[in-house]
Amino acid sequence: MKTFATTCVLLGTLLGSTAIIAQDADTDRSHPAAFVKDSAVTSKIKTKLASEHLTSLGRIHVDTDENGVVWLTGSARSQQAIDKAVSIARNTEHVKSVHSEIVIKQDD
């Protein structure tokens, strides 16, 4: 029974610390619901990019702010891949605008 109590205290401490860290990491978010919505939009875009099998997917980073503005950064192998990523983001529900800072970079 003592082991169970110790495990519960330890687990509670770890989970509490995780919640505090998570809260500090997103202090710029005005409301938790906004963060969930932003994350959902970002996830939808990443899923669509993955379904297109773009070879440079791993080098394209997606972030969405609370206003539905999507930021694409990173690199792609061609302008066509960049255009495709921007098009996918623009055609995703709840996206208001897309800013692309993706650069063309051939593999070394």
PDB file of N, CA and C in Angstrom:
ATOM      1  N   MET A   1       0.825  -1.185   0.000  1.00  0.00           N
ATOM      2  CA  MET A   1       0.000   0.000   0.000  1.00  0.00           C
ATOM      3  C   MET A   1       0.872   1.252   0.000  1.00  0.00           C
ATOM      4  N   LYS A   2       2.000   1.194   0.717  1.00  0.00           N
ATOM      5  CA  LYS A   2       2.908   2.333   0.774  1.00  0.00           C
ATOM      6  C   LYS A   2       3.475   2.617  -0.612  1.00  0.00           C
ATOM      7  N   THR A   3       3.780   1.563  -1.384  1.00  0.00           N
ATOM      8  CA  THR A   3       4.295   1.730  -2.741  1.00  0.00           C
ATOM      9  C   THR A   3       3.262   2.408  -3.627  1.00  0.00           C
ATOM     10  N   PHE A   4       1.998   2.020  -3.478  1.00  0.00           N
ATOM     11  CA  PHE A   4       0.920   2.625  -4.265  1.00  0.00           C
ATOM     12  C   PHE A   4       0.808   4.114  -3.958  1.00  0.00           C
ATOM     13  N   ALA A   5       0.861   4.465  -2.673  1.00  0.00           N
ATOM     14  CA  ALA A   5       0.762   5.871  -2.269  1.00  0.00           C
ATOM     15  C   ALA A   5       1.940   6.668  -2.813  1.00  0.00           C
ATOM     16  N   THR A   6       3.136   6.110  -2.737  1.00  0.00           N
ATOM     17  CA  THR A   6       4.327   6.781  -3.256  1.00  0.00           C
ATOM     18  C   THR A   6       4.210   6.990  -4.760  1.00  0.00           C
ATOM     19  N   THR A   7       3.719   5.986  -5.482  1.00  0.00           N
ATOM     20  CA  THR A   7       3.527   6.082  -6.925  1.00  0.00           C
ATOM     21  C   THR A   7       2.529   7.180  -7.259  1.00  0.00           C
ATOM     22  N   CYS A   8       1.442   7.255  -6.508  1.00  0.00           N
ATOM     23  CA  CYS A   8       0.424   8.290  -6.750  1.00  0.00           C
ATOM     24  C   CYS A   8       0.994   9.683  -6.527  1.00  0.00           C
ATOM     25  N   VAL A   9       1.773   9.857  -5.468  1.00  0.00           N
ATOM     26  CA  VAL A   9       2.374  11.163  -5.177  1.00  0.00           C
ATOM     27  C   VAL A   9       3.362  11.536  -6.279  1.00  0.00           C
ATOM     28  N   LEU A  10       4.196  10.584  -6.673  1.00  0.00           N
ATOM     29  CA  LEU A  10       5.181  10.833  -7.718  1.00  0.00           C
ATOM     30  C   LEU A  10       4.507  11.166  -9.040  1.00  0.00           C
ATOM     31  N   LEU A  11       3.494  10.400  -9.411  1.00  0.00           N
ATOM     32  CA  LEU A  11       2.771  10.632 -10.655  1.00  0.00           C
ATOM     33  C   LEU A  11       2.078  11.991 -10.623  1.00  0.00           C
ATOM     34  N   GLY A  12       1.464  12.336  -9.508  1.00  0.00           N
ATOM     35  CA  GLY A  12       0.802  13.628  -9.368  1.00  0.00           C
ATOM     36  C   GLY A  12       1.782  14.773  -9.499  1.00  0.00           C
ATOM     37  N   THR A  13       2.971  14.611  -8.939  1.00  0.00           N
ATOM     38  CA  THR A  13       4.003  15.633  -9.040  1.00  0.00           C
ATOM     39  C   THR A  13       4.452  15.809 -10.487  1.00  0.00           C
ATOM     40  N   LEU A  14       4.676  14.704 -11.173  1.00  0.00           N
ATOM     41  CA  LEU A  14       5.108  14.771 -12.572  1.00  0.00           C
ATOM     42  C   LEU A  14       4.043  15.404 -13.453  1.00  0.00           C
ATOM     43  N   LEU A  15       2.790  15.004 -13.280  1.00  0.00           N
ATOM     44  CA  LEU A  15       1.711  15.559 -14.085  1.00  0.00           C
ATOM     45  C   LEU A  15       1.500  17.033 -13.787  1.00  0.00           C
ATOM     46  N   GLY A  16       1.611  17.415 -12.548  1.00  0.00           N
ATOM     47  CA  GLY A  16       1.476  18.819 -12.185  1.00  0.00           C
ATOM     48  C   GLY A  16       2.575  19.653 -12.808  1.00  0.00           C
ATOM     49  N   SER A  17       3.806  19.149 -12.802  1.00  0.00           N
ATOM     50  CA  SER A  17       4.929  19.854 -13.427  1.00  0.00           C
ATOM     51  C   SER A  17       4.730  19.989 -14.915  1.00  0.00           C
ATOM     52  N   THR A  18       4.218  18.933 -15.552  1.00  0.00           N
ATOM     53  CA  THR A  18       3.970  18.968 -16.987  1.00  0.00           C
ATOM     54  C   THR A  18       2.931  20.021 -17.327  1.00  0.00           C
ATOM     55  N   ALA A  19       1.887  20.121 -16.526  1.00  0.00           N
ATOM     56  CA  ALA A  19       0.839  21.110 -16.774  1.00  0.00           C
ATOM     57  C   ALA A  19       1.392  22.529 -16.648  1.00  0.00           C
ATOM     58  N   ILE A  20       2.268  22.748 -15.685  1.00  0.00           N
ATOM     59  CA  ILE A  20       2.859  24.077 -15.505  1.00  0.00           C
ATOM     60  C   ILE A  20       3.757  24.407 -16.681  1.00  0.00           C
ATOM     61  N   ILE A  21       4.562  23.454 -17.124  1.00  0.00           N
ATOM     62  CA  ILE A  21       5.444  23.677 -18.277  1.00  0.00           C
ATOM     63  C   ILE A  21       4.623  23.960 -19.515  1.00  0.00           C
ATOM     64  N   ALA A  22       3.570  23.186 -19.745  1.00  0.00           N
ATOM     65  CA  ALA A  22       2.719  23.397 -20.917  1.00  0.00           C
ATOM     66  C   ALA A  22       2.061  24.766 -20.876  1.00  0.00           C
ATOM     67  N   GLN A  23       1.664  25.193 -19.693  1.00  0.00           N
ATOM     68  CA  GLN A  23       1.025  26.502 -19.566  1.00  0.00           C
ATOM     69  C   GLN A  23       2.037  27.598 -19.888  1.00  0.00           C
ATOM     70  N   ASP A  24       3.264  27.486 -19.389  1.00  0.00           N
ATOM     71  CA  ASP A  24       4.276  28.502 -19.647  1.00  0.00           C
ATOM     72  C   ASP A  24       4.662  28.569 -21.108  1.00  0.00           C
ATOM     73  N   ALA A  25       4.619  27.442 -21.814  1.00  0.00           N
ATOM     74  CA  ALA A  25       5.050  27.402 -23.208  1.00  0.00           C
ATOM     75  C   ALA A  25       4.118  28.163 -24.128  1.00  0.00           C
ATOM     76  N   ASP A  26       2.866  28.348 -23.747  1.00  0.00           N
ATOM     77  CA  ASP A  26       1.904  29.024 -24.609  1.00  0.00           C
ATOM     78  C   ASP A  26       1.233  30.200 -23.917  1.00  0.00           C
ATOM     79  N   THR A  27       2.016  31.025 -23.278  1.00  0.00           N
ATOM     80  CA  THR A  27       1.440  32.171 -22.588  1.00  0.00           C
ATOM     81  C   THR A  27       0.929  33.221 -23.553  1.00  0.00           C
ATOM     82  N   ASP A  28       1.312  33.132 -24.838  1.00  0.00           N
ATOM     83  CA  ASP A  28       0.844  34.101 -25.815  1.00  0.00           C
ATOM     84  C   ASP A  28      -0.562  33.798 -26.310  1.00  0.00           C
ATOM     85  N   ARG A  29      -1.116  32.668 -25.985  1.00  0.00           N
ATOM     86  CA  ARG A  29      -2.464  32.301 -26.414  1.00  0.00           C
ATOM     87  C   ARG A  29      -3.476  32.976 -25.494  1.00  0.00           C
ATOM     88  N   SER A  30      -4.468  33.620 -26.068  1.00  0.00           N
ATOM     89  CA  SER A  30      -5.438  34.359 -25.279  1.00  0.00           C
ATOM     90  C   SER A  30      -6.428  33.458 -24.555  1.00  0.00           C
ATOM     91  N   HIS A  31      -6.700  32.293 -25.106  1.00  0.00           N
ATOM     92  CA  HIS A  31      -7.696  31.410 -24.514  1.00  0.00           C
ATOM     93  C   HIS A  31      -7.380  29.977 -24.929  1.00  0.00           C
ATOM     94  N   PRO A  32      -7.544  29.008 -24.028  1.00  0.00           N
ATOM     95  CA  PRO A  32      -7.247  27.611 -24.373  1.00  0.00           C
ATOM     96  C   PRO A  32      -7.997  27.102 -25.600  1.00  0.00           C
ATOM     97  N   ALA A  33      -9.225  27.555 -25.796  1.00  0.00           N
ATOM     98  CA  ALA A  33      -9.994  27.102 -26.965  1.00  0.00           C
ATOM     99  C   ALA A  33      -9.339  27.578 -28.247  1.00  0.00           C
ATOM    100  N   ALA A  34      -8.733  28.758 -28.228  1.00  0.00           N
ATOM    101  CA  ALA A  34      -8.039  29.273 -29.406  1.00  0.00           C
ATOM    102  C   ALA A  34      -6.843  28.389 -29.728  1.00  0.00           C
ATOM    103  N   PHE A  35      -6.117  27.956 -28.696  1.00  0.00           N
ATOM    104  CA  PHE A  35      -4.963  27.099 -28.925  1.00  0.00           C
ATOM    105  C   PHE A  35      -5.383  25.773 -29.531  1.00  0.00           C
ATOM    106  N   VAL A  36      -6.457  25.178 -29.045  1.00  0.00           N
ATOM    107  CA  VAL A  36      -6.939  23.898 -29.583  1.00  0.00           C
ATOM    108  C   VAL A  36      -7.335  24.070 -31.042  1.00  0.00           C
ATOM    109  N   LYS A  37      -8.054  25.146 -31.371  1.00  0.00           N
ATOM    110  CA  LYS A  37      -8.464  25.400 -32.744  1.00  0.00           C
ATOM    111  C   LYS A  37      -7.233  25.581 -33.643  1.00  0.00           C
ATOM    112  N   ASP A  38      -6.244  26.351 -33.170  1.00  0.00           N
ATOM    113  CA  ASP A  38      -5.030  26.582 -33.943  1.00  0.00           C
ATOM    114  C   ASP A  38      -4.299  25.274 -34.204  1.00  0.00           C
ATOM    115  N   SER A  39      -4.218  24.438 -33.175  1.00  0.00           N
ATOM    116  CA  SER A  39      -3.549  23.145 -33.313  1.00  0.00           C
ATOM    117  C   SER A  39      -4.293  22.245 -34.291  1.00  0.00           C
ATOM    118  N   ALA A  40      -5.614  22.310 -34.267  1.00  0.00           N
ATOM    119  CA  ALA A  40      -6.412  21.494 -35.186  1.00  0.00           C
ATOM    120  C   ALA A  40      -6.177  21.921 -36.628  1.00  0.00           C
ATOM    121  N   VAL A  41      -6.107  23.222 -36.882  1.00  0.00           N
ATOM    122  CA  VAL A  41      -5.851  23.722 -38.235  1.00  0.00           C
ATOM    123  C   VAL A  41      -4.461  23.278 -38.684  1.00  0.00           C
ATOM    124  N   THR A  42      -3.476  23.444 -37.814  1.00  0.00           N
ATOM    125  CA  THR A  42      -2.104  23.026 -38.134  1.00  0.00           C
ATOM    126  C   THR A  42      -2.065  21.529 -38.447  1.00  0.00           C
ATOM    127  N   SER A  43      -2.751  20.726 -37.657  1.00  0.00           N
ATOM    128  CA  SER A  43      -2.780  19.269 -37.877  1.00  0.00           C
ATOM    129  C   SER A  43      -3.441  18.916 -39.202  1.00  0.00           C
ATOM    130  N   LYS A  44      -4.528  19.608 -39.541  1.00  0.00           N
ATOM    131  CA  LYS A  44      -5.196  19.352 -40.821  1.00  0.00           C
ATOM    132  C   LYS A  44      -4.257  19.627 -41.987  1.00  0.00           C
ATOM    133  N   ILE A  45      -3.534  20.731 -41.910  1.00  0.00           N
ATOM    134  CA  ILE A  45      -2.610  21.085 -42.997  1.00  0.00           C
ATOM    135  C   ILE A  45      -1.501  20.047 -43.100  1.00  0.00           C
ATOM    136  N   LYS A  46      -0.927  19.655 -41.972  1.00  0.00           N
ATOM    137  CA  LYS A  46       0.148  18.657 -41.993  1.00  0.00           C
ATOM    138  C   LYS A  46      -0.343  17.327 -42.559  1.00  0.00           C
ATOM    139  N   THR A  47      -1.569  16.940 -42.222  1.00  0.00           N
ATOM    140  CA  THR A  47      -2.142  15.702 -42.745  1.00  0.00           C
ATOM    141  C   THR A  47      -2.305  15.779 -44.251  1.00  0.00           C
ATOM    142  N   LYS A  48      -2.805  16.918 -44.734  1.00  0.00           N
ATOM    143  CA  LYS A  48      -2.973  17.087 -46.185  1.00  0.00           C
ATOM    144  C   LYS A  48      -1.625  17.081 -46.899  1.00  0.00           C
ATOM    145  N   LEU A  49      -0.621  17.715 -46.319  1.00  0.00           N
ATOM    146  CA  LEU A  49       0.717  17.702 -46.922  1.00  0.00           C
ATOM    147  C   LEU A  49       1.254  16.277 -46.996  1.00  0.00           C
ATOM    148  N   ALA A  50       1.048  15.519 -45.937  1.00  0.00           N
ATOM    149  CA  ALA A  50       1.521  14.130 -45.911  1.00  0.00           C
ATOM    150  C   ALA A  50       0.817  13.284 -46.967  1.00  0.00           C
ATOM    151  N   SER A  51      -0.471  13.534 -47.194  1.00  0.00           N
ATOM    152  CA  SER A  51      -1.210  12.741 -48.182  1.00  0.00           C
ATOM    153  C   SER A  51      -0.758  13.038 -49.613  1.00  0.00           C
ATOM    154  N   GLU A  52      -0.128  14.181 -49.801  1.00  0.00           N
ATOM    155  CA  GLU A  52       0.396  14.544 -51.128  1.00  0.00           C
ATOM    156  C   GLU A  52       1.762  13.916 -51.392  1.00  0.00           C
ATOM    157  N   HIS A  53       2.352  13.337 -50.377  1.00  0.00           N
ATOM    158  CA  HIS A  53       3.665  12.673 -50.493  1.00  0.00           C
ATOM    159  C   HIS A  53       4.739  13.619 -51.014  1.00  0.00           C
ATOM    160  N   LEU A  54       4.700  14.860 -50.558  1.00  0.00           N
ATOM    161  CA  LEU A  54       5.754  15.801 -50.922  1.00  0.00           C
ATOM    162  C   LEU A  54       7.051  15.331 -50.268  1.00  0.00           C
ATOM    163  N   THR A  55       8.096  15.194 -51.052  1.00  0.00           N
ATOM    164  CA  THR A  55       9.348  14.664 -50.521  1.00  0.00           C
ATOM    165  C   THR A  55       9.996  15.611 -49.530  1.00  0.00           C
ATOM    166  N   SER A  56       9.654  16.886 -49.596  1.00  0.00           N
ATOM    167  CA  SER A  56      10.258  17.847 -48.684  1.00  0.00           C
ATOM    168  C   SER A  56       9.360  18.152 -47.487  1.00  0.00           C
ATOM    169  N   LEU A  57       8.370  17.311 -47.230  1.00  0.00           N
ATOM    170  CA  LEU A  57       7.427  17.547 -46.146  1.00  0.00           C
ATOM    171  C   LEU A  57       8.134  17.744 -44.804  1.00  0.00           C
ATOM    172  N   GLY A  58       9.121  16.943 -44.533  1.00  0.00           N
ATOM    173  CA  GLY A  58       9.821  17.023 -43.259  1.00  0.00           C
ATOM    174  C   GLY A  58      10.546  18.333 -43.049  1.00  0.00           C
ATOM    175  N   ARG A  59      10.732  19.077 -44.116  1.00  0.00           N
ATOM    176  CA  ARG A  59      11.433  20.355 -44.010  1.00  0.00           C
ATOM    177  C   ARG A  59      10.480  21.543 -44.047  1.00  0.00           C
ATOM    178  N   ILE A  60       9.182  21.293 -44.146  1.00  0.00           N
ATOM    179  CA  ILE A  60       8.185  22.369 -44.134  1.00  0.00           C
ATOM    180  C   ILE A  60       7.517  22.377 -42.766  1.00  0.00           C
ATOM    181  N   HIS A  61       7.588  23.519 -42.098  1.00  0.00           N
ATOM    182  CA  HIS A  61       7.003  23.665 -40.767  1.00  0.00           C
ATOM    183  C   HIS A  61       5.749  24.517 -40.866  1.00  0.00           C
ATOM    184  N   VAL A  62       4.725  24.135 -40.126  1.00  0.00           N
ATOM    185  CA  VAL A  62       3.422  24.805 -40.168  1.00  0.00           C
ATOM    186  C   VAL A  62       3.087  25.331 -38.777  1.00  0.00           C
ATOM    187  N   ASP A  63       2.656  26.586 -38.717  1.00  0.00           N
ATOM    188  CA  ASP A  63       2.180  27.160 -37.462  1.00  0.00           C
ATOM    189  C   ASP A  63       0.962  28.015 -37.772  1.00  0.00           C
ATOM    190  N   THR A  64      -0.007  28.001 -36.881  1.00  0.00           N
ATOM    191  CA  THR A  64      -1.241  28.759 -37.066  1.00  0.00           C
ATOM    192  C   THR A  64      -1.465  29.632 -35.843  1.00  0.00           C
ATOM    193  N   ASP A  65      -1.777  30.914 -36.054  1.00  0.00           N
ATOM    194  CA  ASP A  65      -2.064  31.765 -34.904  1.00  0.00           C
ATOM    195  C   ASP A  65      -3.557  31.782 -34.609  1.00  0.00           C
ATOM    196  N   GLU A  66      -3.938  32.489 -33.564  1.00  0.00           N
ATOM    197  CA  GLU A  66      -5.330  32.482 -33.110  1.00  0.00           C
ATOM    198  C   GLU A  66      -6.292  33.143 -34.085  1.00  0.00           C
ATOM    199  N   ASN A  67      -5.767  33.871 -35.073  1.00  0.00           N
ATOM    200  CA  ASN A  67      -6.612  34.536 -36.063  1.00  0.00           C
ATOM    201  C   ASN A  67      -6.778  33.737 -37.351  1.00  0.00           C
ATOM    202  N   GLY A  68      -6.253  32.512 -37.377  1.00  0.00           N
ATOM    203  CA  GLY A  68      -6.363  31.686 -38.574  1.00  0.00           C
ATOM    204  C   GLY A  68      -5.312  31.993 -39.619  1.00  0.00           C
ATOM    205  N   VAL A  69      -4.241  32.689 -39.214  1.00  0.00           N
ATOM    206  CA  VAL A  69      -3.140  32.985 -40.122  1.00  0.00           C
ATOM    207  C   VAL A  69      -2.125  31.855 -40.019  1.00  0.00           C
ATOM    208  N   VAL A  70      -1.791  31.276 -41.170  1.00  0.00           N
ATOM    209  CA  VAL A  70      -0.859  30.149 -41.222  1.00  0.00           C
ATOM    210  C   VAL A  70       0.501  30.648 -41.692  1.00  0.00           C
ATOM    211  N   TRP A  71       1.539  30.188 -41.015  1.00  0.00           N
ATOM    212  CA  TRP A  71       2.912  30.512 -41.371  1.00  0.00           C
ATOM    213  C   TRP A  71       3.596  29.219 -41.816  1.00  0.00           C
ATOM    214  N   LEU A  72       4.096  29.209 -43.036  1.00  0.00           N
ATOM    215  CA  LEU A  72       4.855  28.071 -43.559  1.00  0.00           C
ATOM    216  C   LEU A  72       6.316  28.490 -43.631  1.00  0.00           C
ATOM    217  N   THR A  73       7.184  27.715 -43.025  1.00  0.00           N
ATOM    218  CA  THR A  73       8.615  28.000 -43.043  1.00  0.00           C
ATOM    219  C   THR A  73       9.371  26.729 -43.387  1.00  0.00           C
ATOM    220  N   GLY A  74      10.650  26.874 -43.644  1.00  0.00           N
ATOM    221  CA  GLY A  74      11.488  25.727 -43.944  1.00  0.00           C
ATOM    222  C   GLY A  74      11.955  25.754 -45.382  1.00  0.00           C
ATOM    223  N   SER A  75      12.149  24.574 -45.948  1.00  0.00           N
ATOM    224  CA  SER A  75      12.653  24.494 -47.326  1.00  0.00           C
ATOM    225  C   SER A  75      11.941  23.396 -48.100  1.00  0.00           C
ATOM    226  N   ALA A  76      11.975  23.545 -49.421  1.00  0.00           N
ATOM    227  CA  ALA A  76      11.398  22.562 -50.340  1.00  0.00           C
ATOM    228  C   ALA A  76      12.357  22.417 -51.516  1.00  0.00           C
ATOM    229  N   ARG A  77      12.178  21.360 -52.277  1.00  0.00           N
ATOM    230  CA  ARG A  77      13.080  21.087 -53.400  1.00  0.00           C
ATOM    231  C   ARG A  77      12.771  21.897 -54.644  1.00  0.00           C
ATOM    232  N   SER A  78      11.543  22.434 -54.751  1.00  0.00           N
ATOM    233  CA  SER A  78      11.182  23.167 -55.968  1.00  0.00           C
ATOM    234  C   SER A  78      10.103  24.200 -55.663  1.00  0.00           C
ATOM    235  N   GLN A  79       9.949  25.135 -56.591  1.00  0.00           N
ATOM    236  CA  GLN A  79       8.885  26.123 -56.456  1.00  0.00           C
ATOM    237  C   GLN A  79       7.524  25.443 -56.545  1.00  0.00           C
ATOM    238  N   GLN A  80       7.439  24.386 -57.330  1.00  0.00           N
ATOM    239  CA  GLN A  80       6.185  23.636 -57.455  1.00  0.00           C
ATOM    240  C   GLN A  80       5.763  23.054 -56.100  1.00  0.00           C
ATOM    241  N   ALA A  81       6.709  22.526 -55.346  1.00  0.00           N
ATOM    242  CA  ALA A  81       6.396  21.981 -54.015  1.00  0.00           C
ATOM    243  C   ALA A  81       5.956  23.100 -53.068  1.00  0.00           C
ATOM    244  N   ILE A  82       6.593  24.250 -53.149  1.00  0.00           N
ATOM    245  CA  ILE A  82       6.205  25.399 -52.331  1.00  0.00           C
ATOM    246  C   ILE A  82       4.784  25.824 -52.677  1.00  0.00           C
ATOM    247  N   ASP A  83       4.511  25.960 -53.969  1.00  0.00           N
ATOM    248  CA  ASP A  83       3.175  26.367 -54.423  1.00  0.00           C
ATOM    249  C   ASP A  83       2.107  25.378 -53.959  1.00  0.00           C
ATOM    250  N   LYS A  84       2.433  24.095 -54.007  1.00  0.00           N
ATOM    251  CA  LYS A  84       1.488  23.067 -53.578  1.00  0.00           C
ATOM    252  C   LYS A  84       1.207  23.185 -52.072  1.00  0.00           C
ATOM    253  N   ALA A  85       2.247  23.396 -51.279  1.00  0.00           N
ATOM    254  CA  ALA A  85       2.075  23.535 -49.831  1.00  0.00           C
ATOM    255  C   ALA A  85       1.222  24.759 -49.500  1.00  0.00           C
ATOM    256  N   VAL A  86       1.474  25.864 -50.178  1.00  0.00           N
ATOM    257  CA  VAL A  86       0.690  27.089 -49.958  1.00  0.00           C
ATOM    258  C   VAL A  86      -0.765  26.866 -50.359  1.00  0.00           C
ATOM    259  N   SER A  87      -0.976  26.208 -51.481  1.00  0.00           N
ATOM    260  CA  SER A  87      -2.332  25.925 -51.951  1.00  0.00           C
ATOM    261  C   SER A  87      -3.093  25.044 -50.964  1.00  0.00           C
ATOM    262  N   ILE A  88      -2.435  24.033 -50.453  1.00  0.00           N
ATOM    263  CA  ILE A  88      -3.052  23.145 -49.471  1.00  0.00           C
ATOM    264  C   ILE A  88      -3.458  23.936 -48.229  1.00  0.00           C
ATOM    265  N   ALA A  89      -2.549  24.773 -47.744  1.00  0.00           N
ATOM    266  CA  ALA A  89      -2.848  25.574 -46.546  1.00  0.00           C
ATOM    267  C   ALA A  89      -4.017  26.523 -46.806  1.00  0.00           C
ATOM    268  N   ARG A  90      -4.012  27.198 -47.943  1.00  0.00           N
ATOM    269  CA  ARG A  90      -5.089  28.157 -48.263  1.00  0.00           C
ATOM    270  C   ARG A  90      -6.447  27.490 -48.374  1.00  0.00           C
ATOM    271  N   ASN A  91      -6.473  26.250 -48.810  1.00  0.00           N
ATOM    272  CA  ASN A  91      -7.741  25.539 -49.017  1.00  0.00           C
ATOM    273  C   ASN A  91      -8.167  24.723 -47.802  1.00  0.00           C
ATOM    274  N   THR A  92      -7.588  25.017 -46.653  1.00  0.00           N
ATOM    275  CA  THR A  92      -7.949  24.327 -45.421  1.00  0.00           C
ATOM    276  C   THR A  92      -8.956  25.175 -44.650  1.00  0.00           C
ATOM    277  N   GLU A  93      -9.978  24.511 -44.132  1.00  0.00           N
ATOM    278  CA  GLU A  93     -11.041  25.195 -43.396  1.00  0.00           C
ATOM    279  C   GLU A  93     -10.473  25.998 -42.224  1.00  0.00           C
ATOM    280  N   HIS A  94     -11.003  27.173 -41.995  1.00  0.00           N
ATOM    281  CA  HIS A  94     -10.661  28.103 -40.918  1.00  0.00           C
ATOM    282  C   HIS A  94      -9.366  28.876 -41.158  1.00  0.00           C
ATOM    283  N   VAL A  95      -8.732  28.721 -42.315  1.00  0.00           N
ATOM    284  CA  VAL A  95      -7.516  29.482 -42.626  1.00  0.00           C
ATOM    285  C   VAL A  95      -7.933  30.806 -43.250  1.00  0.00           C
ATOM    286  N   LYS A  96      -7.469  31.899 -42.646  1.00  0.00           N
ATOM    287  CA  LYS A  96      -7.793  33.245 -43.147  1.00  0.00           C
ATOM    288  C   LYS A  96      -6.762  33.727 -44.167  1.00  0.00           C
ATOM    289  N   SER A  97      -5.485  33.445 -43.899  1.00  0.00           N
ATOM    290  CA  SER A  97      -4.424  33.812 -44.837  1.00  0.00           C
ATOM    291  C   SER A  97      -3.209  32.924 -44.595  1.00  0.00           C
ATOM    292  N   VAL A  98      -2.310  32.922 -45.588  1.00  0.00           N
ATOM    293  CA  VAL A  98      -1.111  32.084 -45.514  1.00  0.00           C
ATOM    294  C   VAL A  98       0.109  32.946 -45.825  1.00  0.00           C
ATOM    295  N   HIS A  99       1.117  32.845 -44.977  1.00  0.00           N
ATOM    296  CA  HIS A  99       2.390  33.510 -45.198  1.00  0.00           C
ATOM    297  C   HIS A  99       3.438  32.419 -45.403  1.00  0.00           C
ATOM    298  N   SER A 100       4.103  32.457 -46.537  1.00  0.00           N
ATOM    299  CA  SER A 100       5.118  31.433 -46.820  1.00  0.00           C
ATOM    300  C   SER A 100       6.506  32.036 -46.784  1.00  0.00           C
ATOM    301  N   GLU A 101       7.347  31.422 -45.988  1.00  0.00           N
ATOM    302  CA  GLU A 101       8.763  31.771 -45.940  1.00  0.00           C
ATOM    303  C   GLU A 101       9.591  30.549 -46.318  1.00  0.00           C
ATOM    304  N   ILE A 102       8.988  29.657 -47.106  1.00  0.00           N
ATOM    305  CA  ILE A 102       9.669  28.450 -47.576  1.00  0.00           C
ATOM    306  C   ILE A 102      10.660  28.845 -48.667  1.00  0.00           C
ATOM    307  N   VAL A 103      11.868  28.322 -48.571  1.00  0.00           N
ATOM    308  CA  VAL A 103      12.895  28.602 -49.565  1.00  0.00           C
ATOM    309  C   VAL A 103      13.218  27.320 -50.334  1.00  0.00           C
ATOM    310  N   ILE A 104      13.695  27.491 -51.550  1.00  0.00           N
ATOM    311  CA  ILE A 104      14.098  26.343 -52.365  1.00  0.00           C
ATOM    312  C   ILE A 104      15.514  25.942 -51.937  1.00  0.00           C
ATOM    313  N   LYS A 105      15.653  24.650 -51.645  1.00  0.00           N
ATOM    314  CA  LYS A 105      16.959  24.139 -51.238  1.00  0.00           C
ATOM    315  C   LYS A 105      17.073  22.706 -51.758  1.00  0.00           C
ATOM    316  N   GLN A 106      18.007  22.472 -52.614  1.00  0.00           N
ATOM    317  CA  GLN A 106      18.261  21.130 -53.118  1.00  0.00           C
ATOM    318  C   GLN A 106      18.969  20.322 -52.055  1.00  0.00           C
ATOM    319  N   ASP A 107      18.782  18.997 -52.072  1.00  0.00           N
ATOM    320  CA  ASP A 107      19.466  18.131 -51.114  1.00  0.00           C
ATOM    321  C   ASP A 107      20.958  18.183 -51.344  1.00  0.00           C
ATOM    322  N   ASP A 108      21.679  18.116 -50.255  1.00  0.00           N
ATOM    323  CA  ASP A 108      23.158  18.131 -50.352  1.00  0.00           C
ATOM    324  C   ASP A 108      23.693  16.762 -50.654  1.00  0.00           C
TER     325      ASP A 108
END
